[in-house]
Amino acid sequence: MKSRNNRISLPHCDPSFRAKGSVLYWLLHTNVWTLTSLLLGLYLCLAIMFVVIYSLIPEGLACSYDPNRLISWDERLHFSFTTQATVGYGDFYPKGLGRWCAAAQGMLGIFLNSSLIGIIVFRLLRVEHQIRFPSRCCFDPKESTFVFRFLNGGAEDLIQINIRVMLIRYLTKQEDSFITTRGYTLALNGEMVSMAIPSGLLVAFRTKKANYSGVPLTEPTELSPLHLRAKDALEIQISGMIAGSGTGVLAVQKYPIEDVQCGLYETADNNYDLLDKINETTNEYCRQCSLQPRCELTLARIVRSTDDPTSQQETESSRIS
């Protein structure tokens, strides 16, 4: 959740934390050996830092079998690593302020030890995304529905699949002075819950047919192109499990309005090479469509600009403003 001009943008789905630039995105996408090297370097720097701290504390460390002897630098380093690793052999022990420093280092050591092991194991066992989306979605003008599809590109079947499609809308200050975006769940044509999808299967689904009446959007939304605005986006959220391992799967794909193509997907017969192939609507068919004068899809805007350049310039000016 982030603030912009004192307004709040609410997250629409669980994987919103994966935004580029976030710490978690970096942890998930950095090479595992690079990540391990960085964590080990941090571990080493922390141990050396505490060696310096123990050196600055008068009589901060003592030897258990000779309390009066001086502690050398390599013995301080030995004590620092054993404390940070939470081993504690007992040959040296902290005194005075050194006890609090040793306690702090021990707690940091527990955190680093568990983080290092946890991150490495998670990265080594993590299953890469096996749900593949086309780069564009479709609006079928004949059925007046939006069409989506995805491919199970993994080696194993997916089970308990739930599909959700949302309209992501950026609100104006006149609509809401506090919230910048809002998500509307779209009504789908058919039940998209607890599905099982075999490996290699290409799945297509569509929204319910909508008759635009000019009324405000409600949920579940029966979406028409006339509902769309210039900055709107359609977002697919798919969750489920991998049949063999029980590993959870969560995939999200967002389509800005520029990526919503008027037309229909070409039959791909589970061929990944044809996943993006769309039979686009012709300009002539678009001209005859009753939605064309107010439709925000790219083809409709192109047709309007071709037929009436002045009108399109006015439309673009209003979109920018």
Protein backbone atom coordinates (compact mmCIF):
# COMPACT_ATOMS: atom_id res chain seq x y z
CA MET A 1 0.00 0.00 0.00
CA LYS A 2 1.49 3.33 -0.99
CA SER A 3 0.51 6.94 -0.68
CA ARG A 4 0.22 9.35 -3.56
CA ASN A 5 -0.89 12.93 -2.98
CA ASN A 6 -2.29 11.94 0.42
CA ARG A 7 -4.47 9.29 -1.22
CA ILE A 8 -4.12 5.54 -0.73
CA SER A 9 -3.84 2.83 -3.34
CA LEU A 10 -5.28 -0.42 -2.00
CA PRO A 11 -3.66 -3.71 -3.07
CA HIS A 12 -5.97 -5.87 -5.20
CA CYS A 13 -4.38 -9.25 -4.59
CA ASP A 14 -1.91 -11.09 -2.43
CA PRO A 15 1.06 -10.99 -4.83
CA SER A 16 1.15 -7.18 -4.94
CA PHE A 17 4.28 -7.44 -2.73
CA ARG A 18 6.17 -8.75 -5.75
CA ALA A 19 6.57 -5.27 -7.23
CA LYS A 20 10.01 -4.61 -8.63
CA GLY A 21 12.23 -2.75 -6.20
CA SER A 22 10.81 -4.42 -3.09
CA VAL A 23 13.06 -6.43 -0.75
CA LEU A 24 10.98 -9.58 -1.21
CA TYR A 25 11.16 -9.29 -5.00
CA TRP A 26 14.96 -9.06 -4.69
CA LEU A 27 15.09 -12.11 -2.41
CA LEU A 28 12.95 -14.16 -4.81
CA HIS A 29 14.71 -13.21 -8.03
CA THR A 30 18.40 -12.84 -7.13
CA ASN A 31 20.63 -15.74 -8.14
CA VAL A 32 20.76 -18.20 -5.22
CA TRP A 33 24.57 -18.30 -5.13
CA THR A 34 24.81 -14.50 -5.25
CA LEU A 35 22.26 -14.31 -2.45
CA THR A 36 24.19 -16.87 -0.36
CA SER A 37 27.45 -14.96 -0.86
CA LEU A 38 25.85 -11.69 0.22
CA LEU A 39 24.31 -13.25 3.34
CA LEU A 40 27.60 -14.91 4.31
CA GLY A 41 29.41 -11.59 3.76
CA LEU A 42 26.88 -9.89 6.05
CA TYR A 43 27.43 -12.63 8.63
CA LEU A 44 31.21 -12.11 8.51
CA CYS A 45 30.96 -8.31 8.74
CA LEU A 46 28.68 -8.56 11.77
CA ALA A 47 31.10 -10.88 13.57
CA ILE A 48 34.05 -8.56 12.90
CA MET A 49 32.02 -5.54 14.02
CA PHE A 50 31.45 -7.18 17.40
CA VAL A 51 35.17 -7.99 17.66
CA VAL A 52 35.83 -4.25 17.44
CA ILE A 53 33.11 -3.57 20.04
CA TYR A 54 34.60 -6.11 22.47
CA SER A 55 38.04 -4.52 21.92
CA LEU A 56 36.67 -1.10 22.93
CA ILE A 57 35.09 -2.33 26.16
CA PRO A 58 37.60 -2.39 29.04
CA GLU A 59 37.76 -5.91 30.48
CA GLY A 60 34.74 -6.90 28.37
CA LEU A 61 35.97 -10.48 27.99
CA ALA A 62 37.70 -12.88 30.34
CA CYS A 63 39.26 -16.33 30.09
CA SER A 64 37.48 -18.98 32.14
CA TYR A 65 40.67 -20.80 33.18
CA ASP A 66 42.81 -17.62 33.69
CA PRO A 67 40.64 -14.55 34.41
CA ASN A 68 43.65 -12.20 34.67
CA ARG A 69 45.26 -12.90 31.30
CA LEU A 70 44.89 -10.49 28.37
CA ILE A 71 42.54 -11.48 25.57
CA SER A 72 44.14 -11.36 22.12
CA TRP A 73 42.45 -10.22 18.91
CA ASP A 74 42.13 -13.73 17.48
CA GLU A 75 40.55 -14.91 20.76
CA ARG A 76 38.00 -12.08 20.53
CA LEU A 77 37.27 -13.19 16.94
CA HIS A 78 36.85 -16.78 18.16
CA PHE A 79 34.46 -15.62 20.91
CA SER A 80 32.50 -13.45 18.43
CA PHE A 81 31.90 -16.31 15.99
CA THR A 82 30.99 -18.85 18.67
CA THR A 83 28.55 -16.37 20.23
CA GLN A 84 27.00 -15.45 16.86
CA ALA A 85 26.70 -19.12 15.93
CA THR A 86 25.07 -19.68 19.39
CA VAL A 87 27.62 -22.44 20.16
CA GLY A 88 29.33 -20.96 23.23
CA TYR A 89 32.25 -23.25 24.20
CA GLY A 90 32.75 -21.56 27.56
CA ASP A 91 36.51 -20.97 27.27
CA PHE A 92 35.81 -17.20 27.21
CA TYR A 93 32.93 -15.28 28.75
CA PRO A 94 31.74 -11.65 28.68
CA LYS A 95 31.93 -9.27 31.65
CA GLY A 96 30.20 -6.00 32.45
CA LEU A 97 28.92 -4.20 29.35
CA GLY A 98 30.26 -7.06 27.27
CA ARG A 99 27.43 -9.28 28.53
CA TRP A 100 24.81 -7.03 26.90
CA CYS A 101 26.79 -6.91 23.67
CA ALA A 102 27.10 -10.71 23.68
CA ALA A 103 23.34 -11.06 24.27
CA ALA A 104 22.59 -8.72 21.36
CA GLN A 105 25.00 -10.60 19.09
CA GLY A 106 23.44 -13.91 20.09
CA MET A 107 19.96 -12.69 19.12
CA LEU A 108 21.25 -11.31 15.82
CA GLY A 109 23.02 -14.62 15.24
CA ILE A 110 19.81 -16.60 15.74
CA PHE A 111 18.03 -14.32 13.25
CA LEU A 112 20.79 -14.55 10.65
CA ASN A 113 21.23 -18.30 11.06
CA SER A 114 17.52 -19.01 10.56
CA SER A 115 17.21 -16.46 7.72
CA LEU A 116 20.21 -17.86 5.88
CA ILE A 117 18.99 -21.45 6.08
CA GLY A 118 15.36 -20.55 5.38
CA ILE A 119 16.06 -18.40 2.32
CA ILE A 120 18.46 -20.89 0.76
CA VAL A 121 16.14 -23.87 1.32
CA PHE A 122 13.14 -21.89 0.02
CA ARG A 123 15.00 -20.83 -3.11
CA LEU A 124 16.31 -24.32 -3.84
CA LEU A 125 12.89 -25.95 -3.37
CA ARG A 126 10.80 -23.19 -4.97
CA VAL A 127 8.78 -24.35 -7.97
CA GLU A 128 8.96 -21.94 -10.89
CA HIS A 129 5.74 -20.55 -12.28
CA GLN A 130 4.07 -23.02 -14.61
CA ILE A 131 1.04 -20.94 -15.58
CA ARG A 132 1.68 -19.02 -18.80
CA PHE A 133 -0.45 -16.17 -20.07
CA PRO A 134 -0.67 -14.57 -23.51
CA SER A 135 0.55 -10.99 -23.75
CA ARG A 136 -2.95 -9.76 -24.67
CA CYS A 137 -6.56 -10.62 -23.88
CA CYS A 138 -9.56 -10.32 -26.19
CA PHE A 139 -12.97 -8.74 -26.50
CA ASP A 140 -15.28 -10.84 -28.66
CA PRO A 141 -17.61 -8.32 -30.38
CA LYS A 142 -19.98 -11.01 -31.61
CA GLU A 143 -20.69 -12.31 -28.11
CA SER A 144 -19.95 -8.99 -26.36
CA THR A 145 -17.71 -10.74 -23.82
CA PHE A 146 -14.08 -10.50 -22.74
CA VAL A 147 -12.05 -13.66 -23.39
CA PHE A 148 -8.98 -14.88 -21.49
CA ARG A 149 -6.82 -17.97 -21.59
CA PHE A 150 -3.75 -19.51 -20.00
CA LEU A 151 -1.59 -22.61 -20.36
CA ASN A 152 -0.50 -25.11 -17.74
CA GLY A 153 3.10 -25.22 -18.92
CA GLY A 154 4.38 -27.40 -16.06
CA ALA A 155 5.11 -31.10 -16.01
CA GLU A 156 2.38 -31.83 -13.44
CA ASP A 157 -1.36 -31.30 -13.26
CA LEU A 158 -2.89 -28.39 -11.37
CA ILE A 159 -5.75 -29.02 -8.94
CA GLN A 160 -8.20 -26.93 -6.91
CA ILE A 161 -7.81 -24.07 -9.38
CA ASN A 162 -9.74 -20.89 -8.63
CA ILE A 163 -9.96 -18.12 -11.23
CA ARG A 164 -10.82 -14.52 -10.54
CA VAL A 165 -10.89 -11.62 -13.01
CA MET A 166 -10.97 -8.01 -11.85
CA LEU A 167 -11.37 -4.58 -13.37
CA ILE A 168 -8.75 -2.27 -11.84
CA ARG A 169 -9.94 1.33 -11.94
CA TYR A 170 -8.07 4.52 -11.07
CA LEU A 171 -10.45 6.88 -9.32
CA THR A 172 -10.51 10.63 -9.71
CA LYS A 173 -10.46 12.95 -6.70
CA GLN A 174 -14.07 13.80 -7.42
CA GLU A 175 -15.01 10.11 -7.08
CA ASP A 176 -12.97 9.53 -3.93
CA SER A 177 -10.60 11.94 -2.21
CA PHE A 178 -8.87 9.16 -0.24
CA ILE A 179 -8.67 6.00 -2.39
CA THR A 180 -6.82 6.11 -5.74
CA THR A 181 -7.73 2.67 -7.13
CA ARG A 182 -10.55 0.18 -6.77
CA GLY A 183 -11.03 -3.38 -7.97
CA TYR A 184 -14.30 -4.80 -9.33
CA THR A 185 -14.74 -8.57 -9.58
CA LEU A 186 -16.07 -9.55 -13.01
CA ALA A 187 -18.87 -12.05 -13.52
CA LEU A 188 -17.59 -15.07 -15.47
CA ASN A 189 -19.56 -17.28 -17.83
CA GLY A 190 -19.38 -20.55 -15.91
CA GLU A 191 -18.03 -21.82 -12.58
CA MET A 192 -14.28 -21.29 -12.27
CA VAL A 193 -13.75 -22.86 -8.83
CA SER A 194 -12.02 -26.16 -7.84
CA MET A 195 -11.00 -26.96 -11.41
CA ALA A 196 -8.39 -29.59 -12.32
CA ILE A 197 -6.10 -28.72 -15.25
CA PRO A 198 -3.87 -31.42 -16.80
CA SER A 199 -0.30 -30.62 -17.78
CA GLY A 200 -0.06 -28.90 -21.17
CA LEU A 201 -3.75 -27.99 -21.32
CA LEU A 202 -4.75 -24.59 -22.71
CA VAL A 203 -7.75 -23.17 -20.83
CA ALA A 204 -10.00 -20.39 -22.15
CA PHE A 205 -12.86 -18.64 -20.40
CA ARG A 206 -14.95 -15.52 -20.85
CA THR A 207 -16.98 -13.00 -18.90
CA LYS A 208 -20.75 -12.82 -18.93
CA LYS A 209 -22.39 -10.81 -21.68
CA ALA A 210 -23.12 -7.28 -20.54
CA ASN A 211 -25.74 -4.84 -21.75
CA TYR A 212 -24.42 -1.37 -21.05
CA SER A 213 -27.09 0.74 -19.35
CA GLY A 214 -24.98 3.62 -18.00
CA VAL A 215 -25.49 2.56 -14.36
CA PRO A 216 -22.51 2.51 -11.93
CA LEU A 217 -20.46 -0.66 -11.71
CA THR A 218 -21.46 -3.22 -9.08
CA GLU A 219 -20.05 -6.62 -8.09
CA PRO A 220 -20.00 -9.12 -9.67
CA THR A 221 -19.63 -6.84 -12.67
CA GLU A 222 -20.97 -7.69 -16.11
CA LEU A 223 -18.42 -5.64 -18.03
CA SER A 224 -18.91 -3.88 -21.36
CA PRO A 225 -16.24 -1.94 -23.32
CA LEU A 226 -18.38 1.13 -22.69
CA HIS A 227 -17.58 0.81 -19.00
CA LEU A 228 -13.86 1.13 -19.65
CA ARG A 229 -11.76 4.23 -19.13
CA ALA A 230 -8.35 5.14 -20.54
CA LYS A 231 -6.32 4.00 -17.49
CA ASP A 232 -8.34 0.88 -16.61
CA ALA A 233 -6.78 -2.58 -16.56
CA LEU A 234 -8.07 -6.16 -16.41
CA GLU A 235 -6.34 -8.51 -13.98
CA ILE A 236 -6.47 -12.32 -13.82
CA GLN A 237 -5.71 -14.07 -10.52
CA ILE A 238 -5.28 -17.85 -10.57
CA SER A 239 -4.61 -19.90 -7.44
CA GLY A 240 -4.34 -23.63 -6.87
CA MET A 241 -1.94 -26.48 -6.13
CA ILE A 242 0.45 -28.74 -8.03
CA ALA A 243 -1.02 -32.24 -7.90
CA GLY A 244 2.18 -34.17 -7.21
CA SER A 245 3.76 -32.03 -4.51
CA GLY A 246 0.85 -30.03 -3.09
CA THR A 247 2.85 -26.84 -3.66
CA GLY A 248 0.69 -23.74 -3.84
CA VAL A 249 0.51 -21.81 -7.11
CA LEU A 250 -0.53 -18.18 -7.45
CA ALA A 251 -0.30 -16.43 -10.81
CA VAL A 252 -1.37 -12.90 -11.70
CA GLN A 253 -1.51 -11.21 -15.09
CA LYS A 254 -2.57 -7.60 -15.64
CA TYR A 255 -3.74 -6.28 -19.00
CA PRO A 256 -3.83 -2.50 -19.44
CA ILE A 257 -6.58 -1.35 -21.78
CA GLU A 258 -3.98 -1.06 -24.57
CA ASP A 259 -3.46 -4.85 -24.33
CA VAL A 260 -7.17 -5.67 -24.71
CA GLN A 261 -7.51 -6.62 -28.38
CA CYS A 262 -10.83 -6.64 -30.24
CA GLY A 263 -11.07 -10.09 -31.81
CA LEU A 264 -10.84 -13.72 -30.76
CA TYR A 265 -7.99 -16.09 -29.91
CA GLU A 266 -7.01 -18.52 -32.62
CA THR A 267 -7.51 -22.18 -31.77
CA ALA A 268 -4.14 -23.29 -30.46
CA ASP A 269 -4.72 -27.01 -29.66
CA ASN A 270 -2.53 -26.62 -26.57
CA ASN A 271 0.30 -25.22 -28.70
CA TYR A 272 2.34 -22.72 -26.69
CA ASP A 273 3.65 -21.09 -29.87
CA LEU A 274 0.08 -19.97 -30.72
CA LEU A 275 -0.73 -18.74 -27.22
CA ASP A 276 -0.62 -15.08 -28.33
CA LYS A 277 -2.28 -15.54 -31.71
CA ILE A 278 -5.45 -13.43 -32.12
CA ASN A 279 -7.77 -13.13 -35.12
CA GLU A 280 -8.30 -9.40 -34.97
CA THR A 281 -11.56 -7.69 -35.82
CA THR A 282 -11.50 -5.84 -39.13
CA ASN A 283 -11.92 -2.08 -39.35
CA GLU A 284 -15.10 -2.50 -41.38
CA TYR A 285 -16.69 -4.73 -38.74
CA CYS A 286 -15.68 -2.22 -36.07
CA ARG A 287 -17.38 0.60 -37.98
CA GLN A 288 -20.64 -1.35 -37.99
CA CYS A 289 -20.45 -2.17 -34.28
CA SER A 290 -22.91 -0.28 -32.12
CA LEU A 291 -20.29 0.12 -29.38
CA GLN A 292 -17.70 1.79 -31.63
CA PRO A 293 -18.59 5.50 -31.08
CA ARG A 294 -17.83 5.30 -27.33
CA CYS A 295 -15.57 2.24 -27.12
CA GLU A 296 -12.12 2.78 -25.51
CA LEU A 297 -10.44 -0.22 -27.13
CA THR A 298 -7.50 0.53 -29.41
CA LEU A 299 -9.19 -0.57 -32.65
CA ALA A 300 -12.23 1.63 -32.04
CA ARG A 301 -10.01 4.67 -31.39
CA ILE A 302 -8.04 3.98 -34.57
CA VAL A 303 -11.23 3.70 -36.62
CA ARG A 304 -12.57 6.94 -35.16
CA SER A 305 -9.31 8.74 -35.90
CA THR A 306 -9.39 7.45 -39.50
CA ASP A 307 -13.02 8.45 -40.07
CA ASP A 308 -12.93 11.73 -38.16
CA PRO A 309 -9.44 13.01 -37.21
CA THR A 310 -10.84 16.16 -35.55
CA SER A 311 -13.09 14.14 -33.30
CA GLN A 312 -10.21 11.86 -32.34
CA GLN A 313 -8.00 14.83 -31.44
CA GLU A 314 -10.71 16.12 -29.12
CA THR A 315 -11.05 12.66 -27.59
CA GLU A 316 -7.29 12.38 -27.00
CA SER A 317 -7.25 15.84 -25.39
CA SER A 318 -10.00 14.83 -22.99
CA ARG A 319 -8.16 11.57 -22.20
CA ILE A 320 -4.97 13.45 -21.33
CA SER A 321 -6.77 16.00 -19.20
